Amino acid sequence: MNTKNQALIASFLIWVVACAPACAALAEATALNAETTGSYPDPSESIDSSPQTTGLLVVDAAIASYELDGVLLERLADHERIRVAAFEEEELREAALFVGLEPGNYRVAGFRGRNSGGTYFVRASDAPMYAVIVVAGKPTYLGRFEAYAEGGQLVVSQMRRAGREPALWKAVARKYSGSSWAGLLPAGS
């Protein structure tokens, strides 16, 4: 290879390395826009999945100044992203229900909120608090996540609110009383 070709290859490699951060930022912005504007299926009206082969997961979250609009879940085995809208009912507000999940390891990948100013997506970190193991026949609760602004940054923390989990399970059990999961749902207190 002659010196001219080597110089061209070196210039090209420098250009590729220099553009990589911009390409990554563009890909991130595109993914964020897709989550902000994309479709999140409404919560199931019934639970038709079999407890013998699938799991059920409730994610409980609040975003300051926004109403929880949906939750993005990622199955770690194949990185499949599963979206579901939050409940509209008052007693279930700020919660999202994932039904028919294959047993395995999952993590919450983000939360979508909305208010009169529009829709906003909060990406979750890789922190262990977002991880959950889904087991067939076992209803699982993950939360209570609270997102708020602090020092110009959005902070998400996991907090326990006394009575929240039992009250949420009680509302879910009432809503889905006729499903094959009815006897497996925690009755709440």
N, C-alpha and C. Protein backbone atom coordinates (compact mmCIF):
# COMPACT_ATOMS: atom_id res chain seq x y z
N MET A 1 0.86 -1.17 0.00
CA MET A 1 0.00 0.00 0.00
C MET A 1 0.91 1.23 0.00
N ASN A 2 0.55 2.20 -0.84
CA ASN A 2 1.40 3.38 -0.92
C ASN A 2 1.06 4.40 0.16
N THR A 3 1.88 5.40 0.31
CA THR A 3 1.74 6.42 1.35
C THR A 3 0.45 7.21 1.20
N LYS A 4 0.04 7.47 -0.05
CA LYS A 4 -1.20 8.23 -0.29
C LYS A 4 -2.41 7.46 0.21
N ASN A 5 -2.47 6.17 -0.07
CA ASN A 5 -3.58 5.34 0.40
C ASN A 5 -3.59 5.24 1.93
N GLN A 6 -2.41 5.10 2.52
CA GLN A 6 -2.32 5.04 3.97
C GLN A 6 -2.83 6.33 4.61
N ALA A 7 -2.49 7.46 3.99
CA ALA A 7 -2.94 8.75 4.50
C ALA A 7 -4.46 8.87 4.37
N LEU A 8 -5.03 8.39 3.28
CA LEU A 8 -6.48 8.44 3.09
C LEU A 8 -7.19 7.55 4.13
N ILE A 9 -6.66 6.38 4.36
CA ILE A 9 -7.25 5.47 5.35
C ILE A 9 -7.15 6.08 6.74
N ALA A 10 -6.00 6.65 7.06
CA ALA A 10 -5.83 7.29 8.37
C ALA A 10 -6.79 8.45 8.54
N SER A 11 -6.98 9.26 7.50
CA SER A 11 -7.92 10.39 7.56
C SER A 11 -9.35 9.89 7.77
N PHE A 12 -9.70 8.82 7.05
CA PHE A 12 -11.04 8.26 7.20
C PHE A 12 -11.26 7.75 8.62
N LEU A 13 -10.30 7.03 9.18
CA LEU A 13 -10.43 6.51 10.54
C LEU A 13 -10.54 7.64 11.57
N ILE A 14 -9.79 8.70 11.38
CA ILE A 14 -9.89 9.86 12.27
C ILE A 14 -11.29 10.45 12.19
N TRP A 15 -11.83 10.55 10.97
CA TRP A 15 -13.17 11.10 10.77
C TRP A 15 -14.22 10.21 11.45
N VAL A 16 -14.09 8.89 11.32
CA VAL A 16 -15.04 7.95 11.94
C VAL A 16 -15.00 8.09 13.46
N VAL A 17 -13.80 8.13 14.03
CA VAL A 17 -13.66 8.26 15.48
C VAL A 17 -14.23 9.60 15.95
N ALA A 18 -14.00 10.66 15.19
CA ALA A 18 -14.51 11.98 15.56
C ALA A 18 -16.03 12.05 15.49
N CYS A 19 -16.63 11.33 14.55
CA CYS A 19 -18.08 11.38 14.37
C CYS A 19 -18.83 10.42 15.29
N ALA A 20 -18.17 9.47 15.88
CA ALA A 20 -18.84 8.46 16.70
C ALA A 20 -19.69 9.07 17.82
N PRO A 21 -19.19 10.04 18.60
CA PRO A 21 -20.05 10.62 19.64
C PRO A 21 -21.30 11.30 19.08
N ALA A 22 -21.16 11.98 17.96
CA ALA A 22 -22.32 12.64 17.35
C ALA A 22 -23.34 11.60 16.87
N CYS A 23 -22.84 10.50 16.30
CA CYS A 23 -23.74 9.44 15.84
C CYS A 23 -24.46 8.80 17.04
N ALA A 24 -23.73 8.58 18.13
CA ALA A 24 -24.33 8.00 19.33
C ALA A 24 -25.38 8.95 19.90
N ALA A 25 -25.10 10.24 19.91
CA ALA A 25 -26.06 11.23 20.42
C ALA A 25 -27.30 11.27 19.54
N LEU A 26 -27.11 11.17 18.23
CA LEU A 26 -28.25 11.16 17.31
C LEU A 26 -29.09 9.90 17.53
N ALA A 27 -28.45 8.76 17.70
CA ALA A 27 -29.19 7.51 17.95
C ALA A 27 -29.96 7.61 19.26
N GLU A 28 -29.35 8.17 20.30
CA GLU A 28 -30.01 8.33 21.59
C GLU A 28 -31.21 9.26 21.46
N ALA A 29 -31.06 10.37 20.76
CA ALA A 29 -32.16 11.32 20.56
C ALA A 29 -33.31 10.67 19.78
N THR A 30 -32.98 9.87 18.79
CA THR A 30 -33.99 9.18 18.00
C THR A 30 -34.75 8.17 18.87
N ALA A 31 -34.02 7.41 19.70
CA ALA A 31 -34.66 6.44 20.58
C ALA A 31 -35.54 7.14 21.61
N LEU A 32 -35.07 8.25 22.16
CA LEU A 32 -35.84 9.00 23.14
C LEU A 32 -37.13 9.55 22.51
N ASN A 33 -37.03 10.06 21.29
CA ASN A 33 -38.21 10.57 20.59
C ASN A 33 -39.21 9.44 20.34
N ALA A 34 -38.71 8.26 19.99
CA ALA A 34 -39.61 7.12 19.74
C ALA A 34 -40.37 6.75 21.02
N GLU A 35 -39.70 6.79 22.17
CA GLU A 35 -40.38 6.46 23.42
C GLU A 35 -41.36 7.55 23.84
N THR A 36 -41.03 8.79 23.53
CA THR A 36 -41.91 9.91 23.91
C THR A 36 -43.16 9.94 23.05
N THR A 37 -43.02 9.65 21.76
CA THR A 37 -44.15 9.77 20.84
C THR A 37 -44.79 8.43 20.46
N GLY A 38 -44.15 7.32 20.80
CA GLY A 38 -44.63 6.00 20.40
C GLY A 38 -45.89 5.56 21.13
N SER A 39 -46.40 4.44 20.69
CA SER A 39 -47.64 3.90 21.24
C SER A 39 -47.35 2.99 22.43
N TYR A 40 -48.09 3.21 23.50
CA TYR A 40 -48.04 2.34 24.67
C TYR A 40 -49.42 1.71 24.79
N PRO A 41 -49.52 0.39 24.64
CA PRO A 41 -50.84 -0.26 24.70
C PRO A 41 -51.55 0.00 26.03
N ASP A 42 -52.86 0.17 25.95
CA ASP A 42 -53.67 0.38 27.16
C ASP A 42 -53.57 -0.83 28.07
N PRO A 43 -53.80 -0.62 29.36
CA PRO A 43 -53.79 -1.76 30.28
C PRO A 43 -54.83 -2.80 29.86
N SER A 44 -54.53 -4.05 30.10
CA SER A 44 -55.45 -5.13 29.74
C SER A 44 -56.77 -4.98 30.48
N GLU A 45 -57.85 -5.28 29.78
CA GLU A 45 -59.17 -5.29 30.43
C GLU A 45 -59.40 -6.60 31.16
N SER A 46 -58.63 -7.62 30.76
CA SER A 46 -58.71 -8.91 31.44
C SER A 46 -57.32 -9.52 31.44
N ILE A 47 -57.13 -10.47 32.33
CA ILE A 47 -55.85 -11.19 32.35
C ILE A 47 -56.13 -12.58 31.79
N ASP A 48 -55.75 -12.78 30.54
CA ASP A 48 -56.03 -14.04 29.87
C ASP A 48 -54.85 -15.01 29.92
N SER A 49 -53.71 -14.55 30.39
CA SER A 49 -52.53 -15.41 30.40
C SER A 49 -52.64 -16.48 31.49
N SER A 50 -51.94 -17.58 31.28
CA SER A 50 -51.98 -18.70 32.22
C SER A 50 -50.93 -18.53 33.31
N PRO A 51 -51.33 -18.62 34.57
CA PRO A 51 -50.35 -18.55 35.66
C PRO A 51 -49.37 -19.73 35.63
N GLN A 52 -49.72 -20.83 34.93
CA GLN A 52 -48.81 -21.97 34.87
C GLN A 52 -47.57 -21.67 34.02
N THR A 53 -47.70 -20.74 33.07
CA THR A 53 -46.59 -20.50 32.15
C THR A 53 -46.11 -19.05 32.11
N THR A 54 -46.84 -18.13 32.73
CA THR A 54 -46.44 -16.71 32.64
C THR A 54 -46.46 -16.05 34.01
N GLY A 55 -45.84 -14.89 34.05
CA GLY A 55 -45.82 -14.08 35.26
C GLY A 55 -46.58 -12.79 35.05
N LEU A 56 -46.80 -12.11 36.15
CA LEU A 56 -47.54 -10.86 36.16
C LEU A 56 -46.72 -9.85 36.98
N LEU A 57 -46.61 -8.62 36.49
CA LEU A 57 -45.78 -7.62 37.15
C LEU A 57 -46.52 -6.29 37.22
N VAL A 58 -46.56 -5.70 38.41
CA VAL A 58 -47.07 -4.35 38.60
C VAL A 58 -45.88 -3.45 38.89
N VAL A 59 -45.75 -2.37 38.10
CA VAL A 59 -44.72 -1.36 38.34
C VAL A 59 -45.42 -0.11 38.85
N ASP A 60 -44.97 0.39 39.97
CA ASP A 60 -45.57 1.52 40.67
C ASP A 60 -44.61 2.70 40.61
N ALA A 61 -45.04 3.82 40.03
CA ALA A 61 -44.12 4.96 39.85
C ALA A 61 -44.87 6.28 39.79
N ALA A 62 -44.18 7.34 40.19
CA ALA A 62 -44.71 8.70 40.10
C ALA A 62 -43.62 9.61 39.56
N ILE A 63 -43.99 10.52 38.69
CA ILE A 63 -43.05 11.50 38.14
C ILE A 63 -43.55 12.87 38.54
N ALA A 64 -42.76 13.60 39.33
CA ALA A 64 -43.17 14.92 39.82
C ALA A 64 -43.60 15.81 38.67
N SER A 65 -44.72 16.49 38.84
CA SER A 65 -45.31 17.42 37.87
C SER A 65 -45.86 16.73 36.62
N TYR A 66 -45.80 15.42 36.57
CA TYR A 66 -46.33 14.67 35.44
C TYR A 66 -47.21 13.55 35.98
N GLU A 67 -48.11 13.08 35.14
CA GLU A 67 -48.92 11.90 35.44
C GLU A 67 -48.26 10.73 34.73
N LEU A 68 -48.06 9.62 35.43
CA LEU A 68 -47.46 8.46 34.78
C LEU A 68 -48.34 8.04 33.60
N ASP A 69 -47.72 7.94 32.43
CA ASP A 69 -48.43 7.59 31.21
C ASP A 69 -48.12 6.17 30.75
N GLY A 70 -46.94 5.68 31.10
CA GLY A 70 -46.57 4.34 30.68
C GLY A 70 -45.22 3.93 31.23
N VAL A 71 -44.93 2.64 31.10
CA VAL A 71 -43.66 2.09 31.58
C VAL A 71 -43.07 1.23 30.46
N LEU A 72 -41.76 1.34 30.31
CA LEU A 72 -41.03 0.54 29.34
C LEU A 72 -40.24 -0.52 30.11
N LEU A 73 -40.47 -1.78 29.76
CA LEU A 73 -39.82 -2.91 30.42
C LEU A 73 -38.93 -3.59 29.39
N GLU A 74 -37.78 -4.08 29.82
CA GLU A 74 -36.87 -4.80 28.92
C GLU A 74 -36.62 -6.20 29.46
N ARG A 75 -36.81 -7.20 28.59
CA ARG A 75 -36.47 -8.58 28.95
C ARG A 75 -34.98 -8.73 28.67
N LEU A 76 -34.20 -9.10 29.66
CA LEU A 76 -32.74 -9.10 29.53
C LEU A 76 -32.21 -10.21 28.62
N ALA A 77 -32.92 -11.32 28.51
CA ALA A 77 -32.44 -12.43 27.69
C ALA A 77 -32.27 -12.04 26.22
N ASP A 78 -33.19 -11.27 25.70
CA ASP A 78 -33.13 -10.91 24.27
C ASP A 78 -33.29 -9.42 24.02
N HIS A 79 -33.35 -8.63 25.09
CA HIS A 79 -33.49 -7.16 25.02
C HIS A 79 -34.79 -6.70 24.37
N GLU A 80 -35.80 -7.59 24.37
CA GLU A 80 -37.11 -7.18 23.87
C GLU A 80 -37.67 -6.10 24.78
N ARG A 81 -38.23 -5.06 24.17
CA ARG A 81 -38.82 -3.96 24.93
C ARG A 81 -40.34 -4.12 24.92
N ILE A 82 -40.92 -4.03 26.10
CA ILE A 82 -42.36 -4.23 26.26
C ILE A 82 -42.91 -2.95 26.88
N ARG A 83 -43.91 -2.37 26.23
CA ARG A 83 -44.50 -1.11 26.68
C ARG A 83 -45.93 -1.35 27.13
N VAL A 84 -46.33 -0.64 28.17
CA VAL A 84 -47.73 -0.68 28.59
C VAL A 84 -48.07 0.67 29.20
N ALA A 85 -49.29 1.12 28.91
CA ALA A 85 -49.76 2.39 29.47
C ALA A 85 -50.15 2.20 30.94
N ALA A 86 -50.10 3.28 31.66
CA ALA A 86 -50.50 3.26 33.07
C ALA A 86 -52.02 3.20 33.16
N PHE A 87 -52.51 2.74 34.30
CA PHE A 87 -53.95 2.71 34.54
C PHE A 87 -54.51 4.12 34.61
N GLU A 88 -55.76 4.27 34.23
CA GLU A 88 -56.47 5.55 34.34
C GLU A 88 -57.29 5.63 35.62
N GLU A 89 -57.72 4.46 36.15
CA GLU A 89 -58.56 4.44 37.35
C GLU A 89 -57.82 5.06 38.53
N GLU A 90 -58.53 5.84 39.32
CA GLU A 90 -57.92 6.56 40.44
C GLU A 90 -57.16 5.64 41.39
N GLU A 91 -57.76 4.52 41.79
CA GLU A 91 -57.11 3.65 42.77
C GLU A 91 -55.90 2.91 42.20
N LEU A 92 -55.77 2.89 40.89
CA LEU A 92 -54.63 2.23 40.25
C LEU A 92 -53.68 3.24 39.58
N ARG A 93 -54.00 4.51 39.69
CA ARG A 93 -53.19 5.55 39.06
C ARG A 93 -51.74 5.42 39.51
N GLU A 94 -50.84 5.74 38.62
CA GLU A 94 -49.40 5.68 38.85
C GLU A 94 -48.88 4.24 38.92
N ALA A 95 -49.62 3.33 38.28
CA ALA A 95 -49.17 1.94 38.20
C ALA A 95 -49.42 1.40 36.80
N ALA A 96 -48.58 0.47 36.40
CA ALA A 96 -48.73 -0.20 35.11
C ALA A 96 -48.65 -1.70 35.34
N LEU A 97 -49.48 -2.45 34.62
CA LEU A 97 -49.56 -3.89 34.79
C LEU A 97 -49.07 -4.59 33.53
N PHE A 98 -48.08 -5.46 33.70
CA PHE A 98 -47.57 -6.28 32.61
C PHE A 98 -48.10 -7.69 32.81
N VAL A 99 -48.81 -8.21 31.82
CA VAL A 99 -49.40 -9.55 31.90
C VAL A 99 -48.77 -10.45 30.83
N GLY A 100 -48.82 -11.74 31.06
CA GLY A 100 -48.32 -12.69 30.06
C GLY A 100 -46.82 -12.66 29.87
N LEU A 101 -46.07 -12.27 30.91
CA LEU A 101 -44.62 -12.21 30.78
C LEU A 101 -44.01 -13.60 30.89
N GLU A 102 -43.10 -13.90 29.98
CA GLU A 102 -42.35 -15.15 30.09
C GLU A 102 -41.48 -15.07 31.34
N PRO A 103 -41.33 -16.16 32.07
CA PRO A 103 -40.44 -16.13 33.23
C PRO A 103 -39.02 -15.72 32.80
N GLY A 104 -38.37 -14.94 33.65
CA GLY A 104 -37.01 -14.51 33.34
C GLY A 104 -36.66 -13.21 34.03
N ASN A 105 -35.50 -12.70 33.65
CA ASN A 105 -34.98 -11.45 34.21
C ASN A 105 -35.39 -10.27 33.35
N TYR A 106 -35.89 -9.24 34.02
CA TYR A 106 -36.35 -8.02 33.36
C TYR A 106 -35.77 -6.83 34.11
N ARG A 107 -35.88 -5.67 33.46
CA ARG A 107 -35.57 -4.42 34.14
C ARG A 107 -36.46 -3.33 33.58
N VAL A 108 -36.82 -2.39 34.44
CA VAL A 108 -37.55 -1.22 33.97
C VAL A 108 -36.55 -0.36 33.20
N ALA A 109 -36.87 -0.05 31.95
CA ALA A 109 -35.97 0.74 31.11
C ALA A 109 -36.35 2.21 31.11
N GLY A 110 -37.58 2.54 31.51
CA GLY A 110 -37.96 3.95 31.54
C GLY A 110 -39.42 4.16 31.90
N PHE A 111 -39.72 5.41 32.16
CA PHE A 111 -41.08 5.83 32.53
C PHE A 111 -41.49 6.98 31.60
N ARG A 112 -42.74 6.94 31.16
CA ARG A 112 -43.25 8.05 30.35
C ARG A 112 -44.32 8.78 31.14
N GLY A 113 -44.20 10.11 31.18
CA GLY A 113 -45.17 10.94 31.88
C GLY A 113 -45.77 11.96 30.95
N ARG A 114 -46.90 12.54 31.37
CA ARG A 114 -47.54 13.58 30.55
C ARG A 114 -48.17 14.61 31.48
N ASN A 115 -48.24 15.82 30.97
CA ASN A 115 -48.99 16.89 31.63
C ASN A 115 -49.48 17.82 30.53
N SER A 116 -50.01 18.97 30.91
CA SER A 116 -50.57 19.89 29.90
C SER A 116 -49.50 20.39 28.93
N GLY A 117 -48.23 20.31 29.32
CA GLY A 117 -47.14 20.76 28.45
C GLY A 117 -46.65 19.70 27.48
N GLY A 118 -47.12 18.48 27.61
CA GLY A 118 -46.70 17.43 26.68
C GLY A 118 -46.29 16.15 27.38
N THR A 119 -45.53 15.37 26.64
CA THR A 119 -45.10 14.06 27.11
C THR A 119 -43.60 14.08 27.33
N TYR A 120 -43.14 13.34 28.34
CA TYR A 120 -41.74 13.32 28.69
C TYR A 120 -41.35 11.88 29.02
N PHE A 121 -40.15 11.48 28.62
CA PHE A 121 -39.68 10.12 28.90
C PHE A 121 -38.46 10.18 29.81
N VAL A 122 -38.49 9.41 30.88
CA VAL A 122 -37.38 9.32 31.83
C VAL A 122 -36.75 7.95 31.66
N ARG A 123 -35.51 7.92 31.17
CA ARG A 123 -34.80 6.66 31.00
C ARG A 123 -34.27 6.20 32.35
N ALA A 124 -34.46 4.94 32.65
CA ALA A 124 -33.95 4.37 33.90
C ALA A 124 -32.49 3.97 33.70
N SER A 125 -31.72 4.05 34.76
CA SER A 125 -30.32 3.65 34.70
C SER A 125 -30.24 2.12 34.79
N ASP A 126 -29.04 1.61 34.87
CA ASP A 126 -28.85 0.17 35.04
C ASP A 126 -28.78 -0.22 36.52
N ALA A 127 -29.25 0.67 37.39
CA ALA A 127 -29.20 0.42 38.83
C ALA A 127 -29.99 -0.84 39.18
N PRO A 128 -29.53 -1.60 40.18
CA PRO A 128 -30.22 -2.83 40.57
C PRO A 128 -31.68 -2.64 40.98
N MET A 129 -32.06 -1.44 41.43
CA MET A 129 -33.45 -1.24 41.88
C MET A 129 -34.46 -1.41 40.75
N TYR A 130 -34.01 -1.35 39.49
CA TYR A 130 -34.92 -1.51 38.36
C TYR A 130 -35.05 -2.96 37.89
N ALA A 131 -34.27 -3.86 38.47
CA ALA A 131 -34.27 -5.26 38.04
C ALA A 131 -35.33 -6.06 38.77
N VAL A 132 -35.87 -7.04 38.07
CA VAL A 132 -36.89 -7.90 38.67
C VAL A 132 -36.84 -9.27 37.99
N ILE A 133 -37.09 -10.30 38.77
CA ILE A 133 -37.19 -11.66 38.23
C ILE A 133 -38.67 -12.02 38.19
N VAL A 134 -39.16 -12.35 37.02
CA VAL A 134 -40.56 -12.75 36.84
C VAL A 134 -40.62 -14.28 36.87
N VAL A 135 -41.52 -14.79 37.71
CA VAL A 135 -41.69 -16.23 37.90
C VAL A 135 -43.11 -16.60 37.49
N ALA A 136 -43.26 -17.72 36.79
CA ALA A 136 -44.59 -18.19 36.39
C ALA A 136 -45.46 -18.39 37.62
N GLY A 137 -46.70 -17.89 37.54
CA GLY A 137 -47.67 -18.06 38.61
C GLY A 137 -47.50 -17.14 39.79
N LYS A 138 -46.54 -16.22 39.71
CA LYS A 138 -46.29 -15.33 40.84
C LYS A 138 -46.52 -13.87 40.44
N PRO A 139 -47.49 -13.21 41.09
CA PRO A 139 -47.64 -11.77 40.86
C PRO A 139 -46.49 -11.04 41.57
N THR A 140 -45.87 -10.10 40.88
CA THR A 140 -44.70 -9.40 41.42
C THR A 140 -44.94 -7.90 41.42
N TYR A 141 -44.53 -7.25 42.49
CA TYR A 141 -44.63 -5.80 42.64
C TYR A 141 -43.23 -5.21 42.55
N LEU A 142 -43.08 -4.15 41.78
CA LEU A 142 -41.81 -3.43 41.69
C LEU A 142 -42.09 -1.95 41.83
N GLY A 143 -41.52 -1.35 42.81
CA GLY A 143 -41.74 0.08 43.04
C GLY A 143 -41.45 0.36 44.49
N ARG A 144 -41.86 1.39 44.93
CA ARG A 144 -42.47 2.60 44.43
C ARG A 144 -41.36 3.52 43.95
N PHE A 145 -41.33 3.83 42.66
CA PHE A 145 -40.34 4.73 42.10
C PHE A 145 -40.89 6.14 42.12
N GLU A 146 -40.06 7.09 42.49
CA GLU A 146 -40.47 8.50 42.48
C GLU A 146 -39.40 9.28 41.75
N ALA A 147 -39.81 10.05 40.75
CA ALA A 147 -38.89 10.89 39.98
C ALA A 147 -39.18 12.35 40.30
N TYR A 148 -38.13 13.11 40.55
CA TYR A 148 -38.27 14.52 40.89
C TYR A 148 -37.00 15.26 40.46
N ALA A 149 -37.13 16.58 40.30
CA ALA A 149 -35.98 17.41 39.91
C ALA A 149 -35.22 17.84 41.14
N GLU A 150 -33.89 17.75 41.03
CA GLU A 150 -33.03 18.19 42.12
C GLU A 150 -31.76 18.76 41.51
N GLY A 151 -31.52 20.05 41.73
CA GLY A 151 -30.31 20.68 41.19
C GLY A 151 -30.22 20.63 39.69
N GLY A 152 -31.34 20.74 39.01
CA GLY A 152 -31.35 20.73 37.55
C GLY A 152 -31.30 19.33 36.94
N GLN A 153 -31.23 18.31 37.77
CA GLN A 153 -31.18 16.92 37.30
C GLN A 153 -32.44 16.19 37.72
N LEU A 154 -32.84 15.22 36.93
CA LEU A 154 -33.98 14.39 37.30
C LEU A 154 -33.45 13.21 38.10
N VAL A 155 -33.96 13.02 39.28
CA VAL A 155 -33.52 11.96 40.18
C VAL A 155 -34.67 10.96 40.34
N VAL A 156 -34.36 9.69 40.21
CA VAL A 156 -35.36 8.65 40.43
C VAL A 156 -34.89 7.82 41.63
N SER A 157 -35.76 7.68 42.60
CA SER A 157 -35.41 6.87 43.76
C SER A 157 -36.53 5.88 44.02
N GLN A 158 -36.20 4.85 44.78
CA GLN A 158 -37.19 3.85 45.14
C GLN A 158 -37.56 4.08 46.60
N MET A 159 -38.85 4.35 46.84
CA MET A 159 -39.31 4.67 48.18
C MET A 159 -40.42 3.72 48.59
N ARG A 160 -40.53 3.48 49.85
CA ARG A 160 -41.64 2.69 50.38
C ARG A 160 -42.70 3.66 50.89
N ARG A 161 -43.91 3.52 50.42
CA ARG A 161 -45.03 4.29 50.94
C ARG A 161 -45.91 3.32 51.69
N ALA A 162 -46.02 3.54 52.98
CA ALA A 162 -46.79 2.64 53.83
C ALA A 162 -48.18 2.38 53.24
N GLY A 163 -48.50 1.13 53.07
CA GLY A 163 -49.83 0.75 52.60
C GLY A 163 -50.03 0.78 51.10
N ARG A 164 -49.08 1.33 50.34
CA ARG A 164 -49.27 1.47 48.90
C ARG A 164 -49.36 0.10 48.20
N GLU A 165 -48.40 -0.78 48.46
CA GLU A 165 -48.41 -2.07 47.78
C GLU A 165 -49.67 -2.88 48.08
N PRO A 166 -50.08 -3.05 49.35
CA PRO A 166 -51.31 -3.80 49.61
C PRO A 166 -52.56 -3.16 48.97
N ALA A 167 -52.64 -1.83 49.01
CA ALA A 167 -53.79 -1.14 48.41
C ALA A 167 -53.82 -1.34 46.90
N LEU A 168 -52.66 -1.33 46.28
CA LEU A 168 -52.58 -1.53 44.84
C LEU A 168 -52.99 -2.95 44.47
N TRP A 169 -52.50 -3.95 45.22
CA TRP A 169 -52.88 -5.34 44.95
C TRP A 169 -54.38 -5.55 45.15
N LYS A 170 -54.93 -4.90 46.15
CA LYS A 170 -56.37 -5.02 46.41
C LYS A 170 -57.17 -4.48 45.21
N ALA A 171 -56.73 -3.35 44.66
CA ALA A 171 -57.41 -2.75 43.50
C ALA A 171 -57.24 -3.63 42.26
N VAL A 172 -56.05 -4.20 42.08
CA VAL A 172 -55.82 -5.10 40.94
C VAL A 172 -56.70 -6.35 41.09
N ALA A 173 -56.75 -6.91 42.29
CA ALA A 173 -57.58 -8.11 42.54
C ALA A 173 -59.05 -7.82 42.25
N ARG A 174 -59.52 -6.63 42.63
CA ARG A 174 -60.91 -6.25 42.37
C ARG A 174 -61.17 -6.12 40.87
N LYS A 175 -60.25 -5.45 40.16
CA LYS A 175 -60.42 -5.22 38.72
C LYS A 175 -60.41 -6.54 37.93
N TYR A 176 -59.58 -7.49 38.35
CA TYR A 176 -59.42 -8.73 37.60
C TYR A 176 -59.96 -9.94 38.37
N SER A 177 -61.03 -9.75 39.11
CA SER A 177 -61.59 -10.81 39.97
C SER A 177 -62.01 -12.06 39.21
N GLY A 178 -62.34 -11.94 37.94
CA GLY A 178 -62.79 -13.11 37.17
C GLY A 178 -61.68 -13.81 36.41
N SER A 179 -60.44 -13.40 36.58
CA SER A 179 -59.36 -13.99 35.79
C SER A 179 -58.80 -15.25 36.44
N SER A 180 -58.00 -15.96 35.66
CA SER A 180 -57.35 -17.17 36.18
C SER A 180 -56.31 -16.82 37.26
N TRP A 181 -55.98 -15.55 37.38
CA TRP A 181 -55.02 -15.08 38.38
C TRP A 181 -55.70 -14.69 39.69
N ALA A 182 -57.02 -14.63 39.71
CA ALA A 182 -57.75 -14.08 40.87
C ALA A 182 -57.32 -14.69 42.19
N GLY A 183 -57.17 -15.98 42.27
CA GLY A 183 -56.79 -16.62 43.53
C GLY A 183 -55.33 -16.45 43.89
N LEU A 184 -54.52 -15.99 42.93
CA LEU A 184 -53.09 -15.83 43.18
C LEU A 184 -52.70 -14.40 43.53
N LEU A 185 -53.61 -13.45 43.27
CA LEU A 185 -53.30 -12.05 43.55
C LEU A 185 -53.35 -11.79 45.06
N PRO A 186 -52.33 -11.09 45.57
CA PRO A 186 -52.41 -10.73 47.00
C PRO A 186 -53.67 -9.92 47.24
N ALA A 187 -54.40 -10.24 48.30
CA ALA A 187 -55.68 -9.59 48.56
C ALA A 187 -55.53 -8.19 49.12
N GLY A 188 -54.34 -7.79 49.51
CA GLY A 188 -54.17 -6.48 50.11
C GLY A 188 -54.60 -6.54 51.57
N SER A 189 -54.64 -5.37 52.18
CA SER A 189 -55.01 -5.36 53.61
C SER A 189 -56.24 -4.54 53.83
